Amino acid sequence: GNVVDPYILADKFGVRLIINEDYASHDSLRSLAKAVEEVSLENCYIVPSDLWFSRNPFSETEYFSWYAVSGIVDDDSYVRLNRNMELRRIDAHQSGNAMLGLGYLLPGDADVVTRRLRHLDEQRRHARSDWEEALFQEGKMLPYAKVMVGQPYFIIKTYEQLGDLADETEQRRSSMLSYIAQAIHLEDKGRIRDMHMLKKGMTNKLMRFSCDGENYLLRIPGEGSNKLTNRREEAVVYSALAGKGISDEIVHISGETGFKITRFWEGSRGCDKTAEADVAACMALLGKFHAMGLSVPHDFNIFEKLAYYESLRGEKSTYHNYEAVRAQVVALKDILDALPGERTLCHIDSVPDNFLFTPQGLYLIDWEYAGMCDPWIDVAMFCISAAYDKEGIDRTMVLYAGREPTLAEKAKVYCYVAAGGLLWSEWSEYKQQFGVNYSEYAVRQYRYARHFPAHAQEAYAQWQREGGGA
């Protein structure tokens, strides 16, 4: 669409614009600090421009200073509501109440926050801080919490998310309610409450809702994702996993549409890829899963999948020297065929965020790419998603095996690192056709495709020299 001059809108609606010229290197704290040089925060709302509410969140009369949160648990939040309606800062490994970015300040509190803004803005370490940092005093926020109960909201960061908001019409919402009610066998869809969109995953959109005091997660396939995965095969995988205590708990799954409903685990968190204890626990779970020897009728052949993603992309790749890099990666198929291996059900998308630490235990979720393959592929996929270098990959192999890996195992992992890097960079190119941009992720994956064929060939050659191929 056309770019709109913000000053035209400012003149039309009588808005005074204050431009933060440093926004590329400074976040919203700098923006608000610049604003308080010209306007007062007394008796005013602070409203992020990327926040949409379905109903008016403002009142004609405000009796106290407040900051808006949701009752929903959010891993990215750093505050938690207590019984006194205070918002206390929490540790990085804890989950808190979803922070909505909206606040209101009475005069006395506004003076304190203004001084805090100016003080923090002078400190280099707060260059990328959110404006909410100025609300804290002695571990808690100065304003009280205002909990937005039953208030659907949407945070818009990209044009794609703006399109998602446009989809959130009453008709679509009613359709979603009807679908959920039918899927979980409800006669009264009025029992479905607090339905709202969460952050999008890389493949799908996620919608949370509650029913009769239980919380659930509805997965809605993202743009083009039903061509990237086979939803019928995914349903078969979940059947094989049922009752094994490994995966997310399925309430409903459709092999036709890709819609899936699972139970939502409160107080859960993903794997911290920088914490060895977390990574070790994830590798132990992978080992336990692989040792089960589960089987499904379909394979995951990484080279066939690569060719398929290339066919979806259609046009020429945008990656530099793609054909030469592709030839190096595809040549690794001969190495994988020559190396000893085994076949079992593998997750394939075993990224750190798909390992969920919950009060009930550790689980591996989102099995839409799963199929029969060599189990070492799951170790490789974890590592390239975690952006590990070769040393980090070698350490992760040790954590998985509980010993030093053999040369054959190292060669296999390096092959899968290279092939996986090319596969997911192609995946990113296809998603880009739908306006979904994973440029940083894609470039990082492509680097694995460029650099790891040499590591794979070196380990394979050494394995052969030591009699491995005899």
Protein backbone atom coordinates (compact mmCIF):
# COMPACT_ATOMS: atom_id res chain seq x y z
CA GLY A 1 0.00 0.00 0.00
CA ASN A 2 0.96 3.68 -0.08
CA VAL A 3 3.04 5.16 2.73
CA VAL A 4 1.04 7.77 4.66
CA ASP A 5 2.78 10.95 5.80
CA PRO A 6 2.26 10.98 9.59
CA TYR A 7 2.08 14.77 9.62
CA ILE A 8 -1.01 14.65 7.42
CA LEU A 9 -2.73 12.49 10.01
CA ALA A 10 -1.39 14.68 12.82
CA ASP A 11 -2.90 17.78 11.24
CA LYS A 12 -6.17 16.04 10.51
CA PHE A 13 -6.71 14.86 14.08
CA GLY A 14 -4.90 17.63 15.96
CA VAL A 15 -2.09 15.38 17.19
CA ARG A 16 1.29 16.76 18.23
CA LEU A 17 4.13 14.55 17.00
CA ILE A 18 7.44 14.22 18.84
CA ILE A 19 9.90 12.18 16.79
CA ASN A 20 12.47 9.87 18.39
CA GLU A 21 15.25 10.06 15.82
CA ASP A 22 17.26 7.51 17.85
CA TYR A 23 14.68 4.72 17.72
CA ALA A 24 16.98 2.46 15.68
CA SER A 25 19.33 2.25 18.67
CA HIS A 26 17.00 3.22 21.55
CA ASP A 27 13.63 1.77 22.49
CA SER A 28 10.43 3.17 24.00
CA LEU A 29 12.12 4.48 27.15
CA ARG A 30 14.00 7.03 25.00
CA SER A 31 10.78 7.89 23.14
CA LEU A 32 8.90 8.68 26.35
CA ALA A 33 11.90 10.51 27.82
CA LYS A 34 11.88 12.81 24.79
CA ALA A 35 8.15 13.35 25.20
CA VAL A 36 8.37 14.45 28.84
CA GLU A 37 10.67 17.27 27.82
CA GLU A 38 7.68 18.89 26.13
CA VAL A 39 4.53 17.43 27.69
CA SER A 40 3.50 16.43 31.20
CA LEU A 41 2.60 12.87 32.18
CA GLU A 42 0.11 14.13 34.77
CA ASN A 43 -3.40 12.73 34.40
CA CYS A 44 -2.59 11.12 31.09
CA TYR A 45 -2.68 7.75 29.42
CA ILE A 46 0.49 6.22 27.99
CA VAL A 47 -0.57 4.17 24.98
CA PRO A 48 1.66 2.13 22.65
CA SER A 49 0.86 2.67 18.98
CA ASP A 50 0.95 -1.07 18.24
CA LEU A 51 -1.82 -2.06 20.69
CA TRP A 52 -5.44 -2.73 19.71
CA PHE A 53 -8.34 -3.43 22.08
CA SER A 54 -11.74 -4.72 21.03
CA ARG A 55 -13.41 -2.41 23.58
CA ASN A 56 -12.51 1.06 24.86
CA PRO A 57 -10.03 0.59 27.74
CA PHE A 58 -10.34 4.23 28.93
CA SER A 59 -12.69 5.75 31.53
CA GLU A 60 -14.12 9.23 32.05
CA THR A 61 -12.84 9.09 35.64
CA GLU A 62 -9.62 7.48 36.86
CA TYR A 63 -9.13 7.14 40.61
CA PHE A 64 -5.60 5.75 40.76
CA SER A 65 -2.48 5.29 38.68
CA TRP A 66 -2.44 1.95 36.94
CA TYR A 67 -0.63 -0.27 34.46
CA ALA A 68 -2.56 -2.78 32.33
CA VAL A 69 -1.87 -6.50 32.46
CA SER A 70 -3.76 -9.59 31.44
CA GLY A 71 -4.61 -12.53 33.66
CA ILE A 72 -2.86 -14.68 31.07
CA VAL A 73 0.56 -16.12 31.96
CA ASP A 74 3.32 -14.92 29.61
CA ASP A 75 6.93 -16.16 29.48
CA ASP A 76 8.11 -12.77 28.19
CA SER A 77 6.65 -10.83 31.11
CA TYR A 78 8.80 -9.68 34.01
CA VAL A 79 6.01 -8.75 36.46
CA ARG A 80 3.53 -10.77 38.45
CA LEU A 81 0.33 -9.60 40.12
CA ASN A 82 -0.03 -10.18 43.87
CA ARG A 83 -3.10 -10.11 46.12
CA ASN A 84 -2.58 -6.40 46.85
CA MET A 85 -2.93 -5.60 43.14
CA GLU A 86 0.78 -4.79 43.01
CA LEU A 87 3.01 -5.73 40.11
CA ARG A 88 6.24 -7.25 41.44
CA ARG A 89 9.34 -7.85 39.33
CA ILE A 90 10.11 -11.53 38.84
CA ASP A 91 13.20 -13.54 37.93
CA ALA A 92 14.05 -14.22 34.28
CA HIS A 93 13.21 -17.94 34.56
CA GLN A 94 9.67 -17.24 35.87
CA SER A 95 6.47 -16.47 33.95
CA GLY A 96 4.36 -13.43 34.79
CA ASN A 97 1.19 -11.61 33.78
CA ALA A 98 1.12 -10.52 30.14
CA MET A 99 2.18 -6.85 30.00
CA LEU A 100 0.01 -4.74 27.70
CA GLY A 101 2.04 -1.51 27.63
CA LEU A 102 -0.91 0.71 28.56
CA GLY A 103 -0.84 2.89 31.67
CA TYR A 104 -2.35 5.91 33.44
CA LEU A 105 -0.55 8.29 35.85
CA LEU A 106 -1.90 10.69 38.46
CA PRO A 107 0.17 13.84 39.25
CA GLY A 108 2.32 12.59 42.15
CA ASP A 109 3.20 9.35 40.42
CA ALA A 110 3.80 11.20 37.14
CA ASP A 111 6.48 13.34 38.83
CA VAL A 112 8.32 10.26 40.07
CA VAL A 113 8.10 8.49 36.72
CA THR A 114 9.31 11.61 34.88
CA ARG A 115 12.41 11.83 37.08
CA ARG A 116 13.03 8.11 36.61
CA LEU A 117 12.73 8.43 32.82
CA ARG A 118 15.31 11.21 32.67
CA HIS A 119 17.69 9.35 34.99
CA LEU A 120 17.46 6.02 33.14
CA ASP A 121 17.75 7.65 29.73
CA GLU A 122 21.18 8.97 30.69
CA GLN A 123 22.43 5.40 31.27
CA ARG A 124 23.77 3.53 28.26
CA ARG A 125 22.62 0.15 29.57
CA HIS A 126 19.01 1.28 29.27
CA ALA A 127 19.28 2.21 25.59
CA ARG A 128 17.08 -0.75 24.62
CA SER A 129 14.81 -0.63 27.67
CA ASP A 130 11.03 -0.42 27.50
CA TRP A 131 9.35 2.63 29.03
CA GLU A 132 7.92 0.41 31.78
CA GLU A 133 11.37 0.32 33.39
CA ALA A 134 10.66 3.84 34.71
CA LEU A 135 7.64 2.57 36.66
CA PHE A 136 9.68 0.43 39.07
CA GLN A 137 10.54 1.35 42.64
CA GLU A 138 12.17 -1.18 44.97
CA GLY A 139 11.18 -4.21 42.93
CA LYS A 140 7.58 -3.29 42.17
CA MET A 141 5.74 -0.94 39.85
CA LEU A 142 4.65 2.40 41.26
CA PRO A 143 1.14 2.22 39.74
CA TYR A 144 -1.27 -0.54 40.71
CA ALA A 145 -2.33 -3.24 38.30
CA LYS A 146 -5.38 -2.92 36.12
CA VAL A 147 -6.30 -6.41 34.97
CA MET A 148 -8.02 -6.45 31.60
CA VAL A 149 -10.51 -9.26 32.21
CA GLY A 150 -12.40 -10.53 29.17
CA GLN A 151 -10.86 -7.78 27.03
CA PRO A 152 -9.56 -9.17 23.72
CA TYR A 153 -6.39 -7.38 22.63
CA PHE A 154 -3.90 -7.66 19.80
CA ILE A 155 -0.28 -6.46 19.51
CA ILE A 156 0.68 -5.40 15.98
CA LYS A 157 4.38 -5.46 15.09
CA THR A 158 4.24 -6.23 11.37
CA TYR A 159 2.01 -5.77 8.34
CA GLU A 160 1.30 -9.49 8.54
CA GLN A 161 -0.03 -9.08 12.07
CA LEU A 162 -2.16 -6.16 10.90
CA GLY A 163 -3.69 -8.58 8.41
CA ASP A 164 -4.28 -11.05 11.23
CA LEU A 165 -6.14 -8.36 13.12
CA ALA A 166 -8.31 -7.70 10.10
CA ASP A 167 -9.19 -11.40 10.17
CA GLU A 168 -10.37 -11.12 13.77
CA THR A 169 -13.87 -10.06 12.76
CA GLU A 170 -16.95 -11.05 14.73
CA GLN A 171 -17.83 -13.49 11.97
CA ARG A 172 -14.45 -15.17 12.20
CA ARG A 173 -14.59 -15.17 16.00
CA SER A 174 -18.02 -16.79 15.90
CA SER A 175 -16.69 -19.37 13.45
CA MET A 176 -13.79 -20.18 15.79
CA LEU A 177 -16.16 -20.55 18.75
CA SER A 178 -18.34 -22.93 16.76
CA TYR A 179 -15.34 -24.97 15.66
CA ILE A 180 -14.00 -25.28 19.21
CA ALA A 181 -17.42 -26.19 20.60
CA GLN A 182 -17.83 -28.94 18.03
CA ALA A 183 -14.28 -30.23 18.52
CA ILE A 184 -14.55 -30.57 22.30
CA HIS A 185 -18.23 -31.60 22.22
CA LEU A 186 -19.83 -28.54 23.80
CA GLU A 187 -23.51 -27.80 23.28
CA ASP A 188 -23.16 -24.29 24.71
CA LYS A 189 -20.33 -22.36 23.09
CA GLY A 190 -20.90 -19.61 25.69
CA ARG A 191 -18.80 -21.77 28.03
CA ILE A 192 -15.75 -20.86 25.92
CA ARG A 193 -14.14 -17.80 27.51
CA ASP A 194 -11.08 -15.52 27.24
CA MET A 195 -10.32 -16.45 23.63
CA HIS A 196 -7.42 -14.41 22.24
CA MET A 197 -4.50 -14.74 19.86
CA LEU A 198 -1.07 -15.40 21.31
CA LYS A 199 2.28 -14.74 19.66
CA LYS A 200 2.61 -16.58 16.38
CA GLY A 201 4.95 -19.49 16.03
CA MET A 202 7.17 -19.86 12.96
CA THR A 203 4.68 -22.18 11.25
CA ASN A 204 1.31 -21.55 12.91
CA LYS A 205 -0.88 -19.10 14.80
CA LEU A 206 -1.87 -19.92 18.38
CA MET A 207 -5.10 -18.98 20.11
CA ARG A 208 -5.67 -19.50 23.80
CA PHE A 209 -9.07 -20.03 25.39
CA SER A 210 -10.62 -21.42 28.57
CA CYS A 211 -13.62 -23.63 29.22
CA ASP A 212 -15.03 -24.61 32.61
CA GLY A 213 -11.85 -23.48 34.36
CA GLU A 214 -9.51 -25.43 32.07
CA ASN A 215 -7.10 -23.68 29.68
CA TYR A 216 -6.50 -24.79 26.10
CA LEU A 217 -4.46 -23.86 23.05
CA LEU A 218 -5.90 -23.85 19.54
CA ARG A 219 -3.38 -24.11 16.71
CA ILE A 220 -4.39 -22.48 13.44
CA PRO A 221 -2.12 -23.32 10.48
CA GLY A 222 -0.15 -20.28 9.30
CA GLU A 223 0.27 -18.99 5.78
CA GLY A 224 1.22 -21.82 3.42
CA SER A 225 2.02 -24.19 6.28
CA ASN A 226 -0.33 -26.96 5.15
CA LYS A 227 1.91 -27.38 2.10
CA LEU A 228 5.01 -27.53 4.29
CA THR A 229 3.69 -30.35 6.46
CA ASN A 230 1.35 -33.31 6.06
CA ARG A 231 -1.42 -32.92 8.62
CA ARG A 232 -2.69 -36.49 8.18
CA GLU A 233 0.77 -37.82 8.94
CA GLU A 234 0.94 -35.55 12.00
CA ALA A 235 -2.31 -37.06 13.31
CA VAL A 236 -0.81 -40.54 12.87
CA VAL A 237 2.29 -39.46 14.84
CA TYR A 238 0.17 -38.22 17.74
CA SER A 239 -1.66 -41.57 17.77
CA ALA A 240 1.70 -43.33 18.11
CA LEU A 241 2.68 -40.99 20.96
CA ALA A 242 -0.57 -41.31 22.91
CA GLY A 243 -0.03 -42.34 26.51
CA LYS A 244 3.77 -42.28 26.27
CA GLY A 245 4.22 -39.17 28.46
CA ILE A 246 6.45 -37.47 25.89
CA SER A 247 4.26 -35.05 23.94
CA ASP A 248 1.68 -32.32 24.44
CA GLU A 249 -1.78 -33.56 25.47
CA ILE A 250 -4.08 -33.67 22.45
CA VAL A 251 -7.76 -32.85 22.90
CA HIS A 252 -8.55 -32.64 19.19
CA ILE A 253 -6.61 -32.81 15.93
CA SER A 254 -7.79 -32.63 12.34
CA GLY A 255 -5.77 -34.33 9.64
CA GLU A 256 -7.78 -32.36 7.09
CA THR A 257 -7.45 -28.75 8.26
CA GLY A 258 -4.44 -28.92 10.57
CA PHE A 259 -6.40 -27.41 13.45
CA LYS A 260 -5.27 -28.81 16.78
CA ILE A 261 -6.43 -28.29 20.38
CA THR A 262 -4.14 -29.16 23.30
CA ARG A 263 -4.25 -28.55 27.01
CA PHE A 264 -2.39 -25.40 28.05
CA TRP A 265 0.17 -25.93 30.81
CA GLU A 266 0.37 -22.98 33.18
CA GLY A 267 3.79 -22.04 34.49
CA SER A 268 5.61 -23.64 31.58
CA ARG A 269 8.73 -22.40 29.84
CA GLY A 270 10.89 -23.34 26.89
CA CYS A 271 14.44 -24.63 27.04
CA ASP A 272 17.17 -22.10 27.81
CA LYS A 273 19.68 -23.06 25.12
CA THR A 274 22.46 -21.35 27.11
CA ALA A 275 21.86 -23.41 30.28
CA GLU A 276 23.65 -26.78 30.21
CA ALA A 277 21.20 -28.29 32.71
CA ASP A 278 18.29 -27.45 30.43
CA VAL A 279 20.03 -28.77 27.33
CA ALA A 280 21.05 -31.96 29.16
CA ALA A 281 17.44 -32.55 30.24
CA CYS A 282 16.24 -32.05 26.66
CA MET A 283 18.83 -34.45 25.28
CA ALA A 284 17.85 -37.01 27.93
CA LEU A 285 14.21 -36.71 26.85
CA LEU A 286 15.23 -37.16 23.21
CA GLY A 287 17.21 -40.28 24.17
CA LYS A 288 14.25 -41.67 26.11
CA PHE A 289 11.93 -41.02 23.18
CA HIS A 290 14.26 -42.57 20.60
CA ALA A 291 14.81 -45.63 22.79
CA MET A 292 11.05 -46.35 22.62
CA GLY A 293 11.56 -47.38 18.99
CA LEU A 294 8.19 -45.99 17.88
CA SER A 295 7.21 -46.47 14.27
CA VAL A 296 4.91 -44.71 11.79
CA PRO A 297 4.30 -45.52 8.11
CA HIS A 298 5.99 -42.41 6.71
CA ASP A 299 9.63 -41.32 6.48
CA PHE A 300 11.32 -37.97 6.81
CA ASN A 301 13.82 -37.92 3.94
CA ILE A 302 15.63 -34.62 4.25
CA PHE A 303 16.81 -34.55 0.63
CA GLU A 304 13.37 -35.33 -0.79
CA LYS A 305 11.92 -32.65 1.48
CA LEU A 306 14.52 -30.17 0.24
CA ALA A 307 13.55 -30.82 -3.38
CA TYR A 308 9.88 -30.41 -2.46
CA TYR A 309 10.47 -27.06 -0.73
CA GLU A 310 12.44 -25.92 -3.78
CA SER A 311 9.47 -26.80 -5.98
CA LEU A 312 7.19 -24.74 -3.73
CA ARG A 313 9.54 -21.79 -3.98
CA GLY A 314 9.40 -22.02 -7.77
CA GLU A 315 11.58 -19.10 -8.73
CA LYS A 316 15.37 -18.80 -8.45
CA SER A 317 16.83 -18.77 -4.94
CA THR A 318 17.94 -15.44 -3.51
CA TYR A 319 20.87 -17.03 -1.66
CA HIS A 320 24.37 -16.34 -2.93
CA ASN A 321 25.96 -19.24 -4.81
CA TYR A 322 22.96 -21.45 -4.06
CA GLU A 323 23.53 -24.10 -6.74
CA ALA A 324 27.13 -24.73 -5.62
CA VAL A 325 26.12 -24.92 -1.95
CA ARG A 326 23.20 -27.20 -2.83
CA ALA A 327 25.52 -29.57 -4.72
CA GLN A 328 27.83 -29.84 -1.68
CA VAL A 329 24.89 -30.59 0.61
CA VAL A 330 23.22 -33.14 -1.68
CA ALA A 331 26.56 -34.96 -2.03
CA LEU A 332 26.29 -35.73 1.69
CA LYS A 333 23.52 -38.23 0.94
CA ASP A 334 26.18 -40.73 -0.16
CA ILE A 335 27.95 -40.31 3.19
CA LEU A 336 24.74 -40.84 5.16
CA ASP A 337 23.94 -43.94 3.10
CA ALA A 338 27.41 -45.36 3.81
CA LEU A 339 27.39 -44.70 7.55
CA PRO A 340 25.84 -47.17 10.00
CA GLY A 341 22.52 -45.97 11.32
CA GLU A 342 19.14 -46.83 12.70
CA ARG A 343 15.58 -45.75 12.01
CA THR A 344 12.97 -44.73 14.50
CA LEU A 345 10.31 -42.07 14.87
CA CYS A 346 12.04 -38.66 15.07
CA HIS A 347 10.65 -35.26 15.94
CA ILE A 348 12.62 -33.33 13.25
CA ASP A 349 11.57 -29.90 14.58
CA SER A 350 13.33 -30.50 17.91
CA VAL A 351 14.12 -26.83 18.54
CA PRO A 352 14.65 -25.51 22.10
CA ASP A 353 11.25 -23.77 22.14
CA ASN A 354 9.49 -27.09 21.50
CA PHE A 355 10.84 -28.54 24.76
CA LEU A 356 8.43 -27.44 27.45
CA PHE A 357 9.42 -27.44 31.12
CA THR A 358 6.15 -27.65 33.08
CA PRO A 359 5.20 -28.31 36.71
CA GLN A 360 4.18 -31.78 35.51
CA GLY A 361 7.54 -32.52 33.86
CA LEU A 362 9.41 -32.00 30.58
CA TYR A 363 7.59 -32.54 27.29
CA LEU A 364 8.33 -32.24 23.58
CA ILE A 365 5.54 -30.49 21.64
CA ASP A 366 4.56 -29.74 18.03
CA TRP A 367 5.20 -32.91 16.05
CA GLU A 368 4.03 -31.71 12.63
CA TYR A 369 7.30 -32.56 10.83
CA ALA A 370 7.87 -35.91 12.57
CA GLY A 371 8.66 -39.10 10.66
CA MET A 372 11.00 -42.08 10.50
CA CYS A 373 14.68 -41.13 10.32
CA ASP A 374 18.04 -41.59 12.05
CA PRO A 375 17.71 -40.29 15.64
CA TRP A 376 20.83 -38.14 15.37
CA ILE A 377 18.86 -35.79 13.11
CA ASP A 378 16.99 -34.52 16.17
CA VAL A 379 20.27 -33.55 17.84
CA ALA A 380 21.36 -31.68 14.71
CA MET A 381 18.04 -29.81 14.43
CA PHE A 382 18.22 -28.73 18.07
CA CYS A 383 21.71 -27.36 17.54
CA ILE A 384 21.07 -25.35 14.38
CA SER A 385 17.96 -23.77 15.88
CA ALA A 386 19.98 -22.88 18.98
CA ALA A 387 22.61 -21.27 16.68
CA TYR A 388 25.44 -23.34 18.18
CA ASP A 389 28.90 -23.27 16.64
CA LYS A 390 30.80 -26.52 16.00
CA GLU A 391 32.05 -26.68 19.60
CA GLY A 392 28.51 -26.25 20.90
CA ILE A 393 27.27 -28.97 18.56
CA ASP A 394 30.01 -31.33 19.76
CA ARG A 395 29.07 -30.65 23.40
CA THR A 396 25.41 -31.34 22.68
CA MET A 397 26.29 -34.68 21.08
CA VAL A 398 28.06 -35.67 24.30
CA LEU A 399 25.02 -34.68 26.36
CA TYR A 400 22.76 -36.78 24.12
CA ALA A 401 24.96 -39.88 24.03
CA GLY A 402 26.28 -39.67 27.58
CA ARG A 403 29.74 -40.31 26.14
CA GLU A 404 32.08 -39.07 23.43
CA PRO A 405 30.32 -39.65 20.09
CA THR A 406 31.92 -41.93 17.52
CA LEU A 407 33.33 -40.55 14.26
CA ALA A 408 30.37 -42.07 12.43
CA GLU A 409 27.93 -40.27 14.74
CA LYS A 410 29.78 -36.98 14.34
CA ALA A 411 29.76 -37.34 10.57
CA LYS A 412 26.01 -38.01 10.61
CA VAL A 413 25.27 -34.98 12.76
CA TYR A 414 27.41 -32.70 10.60
CA CYS A 415 25.60 -34.01 7.50
CA TYR A 416 22.24 -33.28 9.07
CA VAL A 417 23.41 -29.85 10.25
CA ALA A 418 24.36 -28.93 6.68
CA ALA A 419 21.25 -30.45 5.10
CA GLY A 420 18.99 -29.03 7.81
CA GLY A 421 20.47 -25.58 7.33
CA LEU A 422 19.69 -25.68 3.61
CA LEU A 423 16.23 -27.14 4.22
CA TRP A 424 15.13 -24.45 6.67
CA SER A 425 16.61 -21.66 4.56
CA GLU A 426 14.46 -22.94 1.69
CA TRP A 427 11.50 -23.18 4.10
CA SER A 428 12.07 -19.50 4.89
CA GLU A 429 12.15 -18.54 1.21
CA TYR A 430 8.79 -20.22 0.66
CA LYS A 431 7.24 -18.52 3.70
CA GLN A 432 8.53 -15.18 2.40
CA GLN A 433 6.05 -15.49 -0.49
CA PHE A 434 3.31 -15.00 2.11
CA GLY A 435 4.88 -11.86 3.58
CA VAL A 436 6.53 -13.74 6.46
CA ASN A 437 10.12 -12.61 6.88
CA TYR A 438 12.66 -14.76 8.73
CA SER A 439 15.71 -13.12 7.17
CA GLU A 440 18.11 -13.39 10.15
CA TYR A 441 17.06 -16.98 10.86
CA ALA A 442 17.32 -17.90 7.16
CA VAL A 443 20.81 -16.45 6.74
CA ARG A 444 22.02 -18.30 9.82
CA GLN A 445 20.65 -21.60 8.50
CA TYR A 446 22.25 -21.04 5.12
CA ARG A 447 25.62 -20.56 6.81
CA TYR A 448 25.34 -24.11 8.20
CA ALA A 449 24.71 -25.35 4.66
CA ARG A 450 27.82 -23.55 3.45
CA HIS A 451 30.26 -24.51 6.20
CA PHE A 452 29.31 -27.97 7.51
CA PRO A 453 29.72 -30.16 4.42
CA ALA A 454 33.48 -29.83 4.97
CA HIS A 455 33.17 -30.94 8.62
CA ALA A 456 31.03 -33.91 7.55
CA GLN A 457 33.50 -34.98 4.87
CA GLU A 458 36.44 -34.67 7.26
CA ALA A 459 34.79 -36.80 9.95
CA TYR A 460 33.70 -39.36 7.35
CA ALA A 461 37.19 -39.57 5.84
CA GLN A 462 38.72 -40.12 9.29
CA TRP A 463 36.09 -42.81 10.01
CA GLN A 464 37.11 -44.56 6.80
CA ARG A 465 40.84 -44.28 7.58
CA GLU A 466 40.25 -45.92 10.94
CA GLY A 467 38.57 -48.87 9.29
CA GLY A 468 34.96 -47.81 9.66
CA GLY A 469 34.07 -48.66 6.08
CA ALA A 470 35.74 -52.08 6.14
